[in-house]
Amino acid sequence: MKRKSIFVPSIVFAVFVFAFSASVNQVKGQTCESKDEAADAQIVETIYSKIEGNSKIADQASHINVVSCNAVVKLQGWVNSEDDYNKVYDYAFKTEGVKMVNANGLAKEEPSNAAPGGTCLPGTKPCSDICIPSNDVCNIKNGKL
């Protein structure tokens, strides 16, 4: 009787388990060693001024976190619609001095997967009405750190 080897399936299973466990609940935060903190602060302030100056989206500022590091802007949180998303993205992209905009963390609608009881998931922290990665900066005015 020929003996079947379980070596290959065992290796495949081990690789799968390792890859899956490495990707579960990994929240990537951003640390910033800015070369010009004043310029980054001005970029953030300018973008918030544009958001707050638009009566249609001003009330959404409490769940939009804007971060700038070396003139690279990161948008986090959510807006009410795709039109609002496009407007916030344009405000960031068209702000003087901005090199790039990362809007991967900005949803086009309120997320339905909020943590139970309004608490943030492990690896994240509250920032006003949203949760952001623990290493990120909360720039929302009156945001909870």
Protein backbone atom coordinates (compact mmCIF):
# COMPACT_ATOMS: atom_id res chain seq x y z
CA MET A 1 0.00 0.00 0.00
CA LYS A 2 1.35 3.39 -1.03
CA ARG A 3 1.67 5.91 1.77
CA LYS A 4 0.32 9.40 1.05
CA SER A 5 2.43 12.29 2.16
CA ILE A 6 0.78 14.98 4.19
CA PHE A 7 3.85 17.22 4.02
CA VAL A 8 2.69 19.45 1.12
CA PRO A 9 -0.86 20.02 2.42
CA SER A 10 0.56 20.74 5.87
CA ILE A 11 2.91 23.37 4.46
CA VAL A 12 0.10 24.98 2.43
CA PHE A 13 -2.12 25.08 5.51
CA ALA A 14 0.66 26.58 7.64
CA VAL A 15 1.33 29.31 5.07
CA PHE A 16 -2.39 30.10 4.88
CA VAL A 17 -2.73 30.34 8.67
CA PHE A 18 0.35 32.56 8.94
CA ALA A 19 -0.81 34.89 6.14
CA PHE A 20 -4.32 35.13 7.58
CA SER A 21 -3.17 35.80 11.13
CA ALA A 22 -0.74 38.45 9.95
CA SER A 23 -3.54 40.35 8.20
CA VAL A 24 -6.25 40.21 10.86
CA ASN A 25 -6.85 43.42 12.84
CA GLN A 26 -3.70 45.11 11.61
CA VAL A 27 -4.32 48.84 11.73
CA LYS A 28 -1.67 50.91 10.07
CA GLY A 29 -1.02 54.21 11.76
CA GLN A 30 1.09 57.01 10.42
CA THR A 31 3.97 58.58 12.18
CA CYS A 32 5.19 61.89 10.87
CA GLU A 33 8.60 63.44 11.06
CA SER A 34 7.69 66.58 9.20
CA LYS A 35 10.38 68.74 7.67
CA ASP A 36 8.08 71.77 7.95
CA GLU A 37 5.46 71.42 10.70
CA ALA A 38 4.22 74.98 10.17
CA ALA A 39 3.48 74.32 6.49
CA ASP A 40 1.70 71.06 7.33
CA ALA A 41 -0.37 72.80 10.02
CA GLN A 42 -1.30 75.53 7.51
CA ILE A 43 -2.38 72.91 4.95
CA VAL A 44 -4.65 71.22 7.52
CA GLU A 45 -6.12 74.56 8.62
CA THR A 46 -6.75 75.63 5.01
CA ILE A 47 -8.57 72.39 4.16
CA TYR A 48 -10.74 72.62 7.30
CA SER A 49 -11.51 76.26 6.46
CA LYS A 50 -12.73 75.21 3.02
CA ILE A 51 -14.87 72.41 4.49
CA GLU A 52 -16.35 74.68 7.16
CA GLY A 53 -16.95 77.40 4.55
CA ASN A 54 -19.25 75.13 2.54
CA SER A 55 -22.68 75.08 4.22
CA LYS A 56 -23.52 71.73 2.59
CA ILE A 57 -20.62 69.86 4.20
CA ALA A 58 -19.64 72.05 7.18
CA ASP A 59 -21.61 69.88 9.61
CA GLN A 60 -19.59 66.85 8.47
CA ALA A 61 -16.28 68.29 9.72
CA SER A 62 -16.69 66.40 13.01
CA HIS A 63 -16.10 63.11 11.22
CA ILE A 64 -13.42 64.13 8.72
CA ASN A 65 -9.85 63.96 9.99
CA VAL A 66 -7.27 65.79 7.89
CA VAL A 67 -3.59 65.05 8.46
CA SER A 68 -0.62 66.47 6.57
CA CYS A 69 2.93 65.17 6.72
CA ASN A 70 5.52 66.72 4.43
CA ALA A 71 2.65 68.12 2.31
CA VAL A 72 1.09 64.66 1.81
CA VAL A 73 -2.51 64.84 3.00
CA LYS A 74 -4.37 61.90 4.53
CA LEU A 75 -8.18 62.05 4.77
CA GLN A 76 -9.98 59.81 7.26
CA GLY A 77 -13.58 59.36 8.34
CA TRP A 78 -16.71 59.61 6.23
CA VAL A 79 -18.97 61.97 4.34
CA ASN A 80 -22.65 61.74 3.39
CA SER A 81 -22.33 61.19 -0.36
CA GLU A 82 -20.03 60.76 -3.31
CA ASP A 83 -20.50 64.45 -4.17
CA ASP A 84 -19.34 65.41 -0.68
CA TYR A 85 -16.39 63.01 -0.99
CA ASN A 86 -15.37 64.61 -4.29
CA LYS A 87 -15.65 68.10 -2.80
CA VAL A 88 -13.49 67.25 0.25
CA TYR A 89 -10.95 65.50 -1.98
CA ASP A 90 -10.82 68.53 -4.30
CA TYR A 91 -10.37 70.88 -1.34
CA ALA A 92 -7.36 68.84 -0.22
CA PHE A 93 -5.92 68.31 -3.69
CA LYS A 94 -6.24 71.94 -4.73
CA THR A 95 -4.78 73.38 -1.53
CA GLU A 96 -1.56 75.24 -2.19
CA GLY A 97 1.53 73.24 -1.29
CA VAL A 98 -0.14 69.81 -1.26
CA LYS A 99 1.92 67.19 -3.08
CA MET A 100 -0.41 64.21 -2.79
CA VAL A 101 -3.73 63.19 -1.22
CA ASN A 102 -4.47 59.78 0.31
CA ALA A 103 -8.25 59.44 0.60
CA ASN A 104 -8.30 55.67 1.19
CA GLY A 105 -9.53 56.26 4.75
CA LEU A 106 -12.44 58.51 3.72
CA ALA A 107 -15.72 56.67 3.11
CA LYS A 108 -18.44 58.02 0.82
CA GLU A 109 -21.15 57.19 3.36
CA GLU A 110 -21.54 56.57 7.06
CA PRO A 111 -20.01 53.19 7.87
CA SER A 112 -22.40 50.47 9.01
CA ASN A 113 -19.70 48.48 10.82
CA ALA A 114 -19.24 50.77 13.81
CA ALA A 115 -17.99 49.07 16.94
CA PRO A 116 -20.68 48.07 19.46
CA GLY A 117 -21.42 50.75 22.04
CA GLY A 118 -19.60 53.39 19.99
CA THR A 119 -16.17 52.28 21.20
CA CYS A 120 -13.19 52.00 18.92
CA LEU A 121 -11.72 48.66 17.94
CA PRO A 122 -8.30 47.54 19.21
CA GLY A 123 -5.48 49.42 17.49
CA THR A 124 -7.63 52.51 17.02
CA LYS A 125 -8.56 55.52 19.11
CA PRO A 126 -11.47 57.97 19.15
CA CYS A 127 -11.14 61.17 17.15
CA SER A 128 -14.37 63.15 17.57
CA ASP A 129 -17.05 61.07 15.76
CA ILE A 130 -14.66 58.54 14.18
CA CYS A 131 -11.95 56.05 15.09
CA ILE A 132 -8.47 56.40 13.63
CA PRO A 133 -5.33 54.24 13.93
CA SER A 134 -3.68 54.70 17.34
CA ASN A 135 -0.52 56.25 15.86
CA ASP A 136 -2.35 58.84 13.77
CA VAL A 137 -2.93 62.45 14.81
CA CYS A 138 -6.45 63.69 15.46
CA ASN A 139 -6.82 67.15 13.94
CA ILE A 140 -10.59 67.45 14.23
CA LYS A 141 -11.32 70.52 16.31
CA ASN A 142 -12.43 69.44 19.76
CA GLY A 143 -11.58 65.86 18.76
CA LYS A 144 -11.10 63.40 21.60
CA LEU A 145 -7.62 61.96 21.80
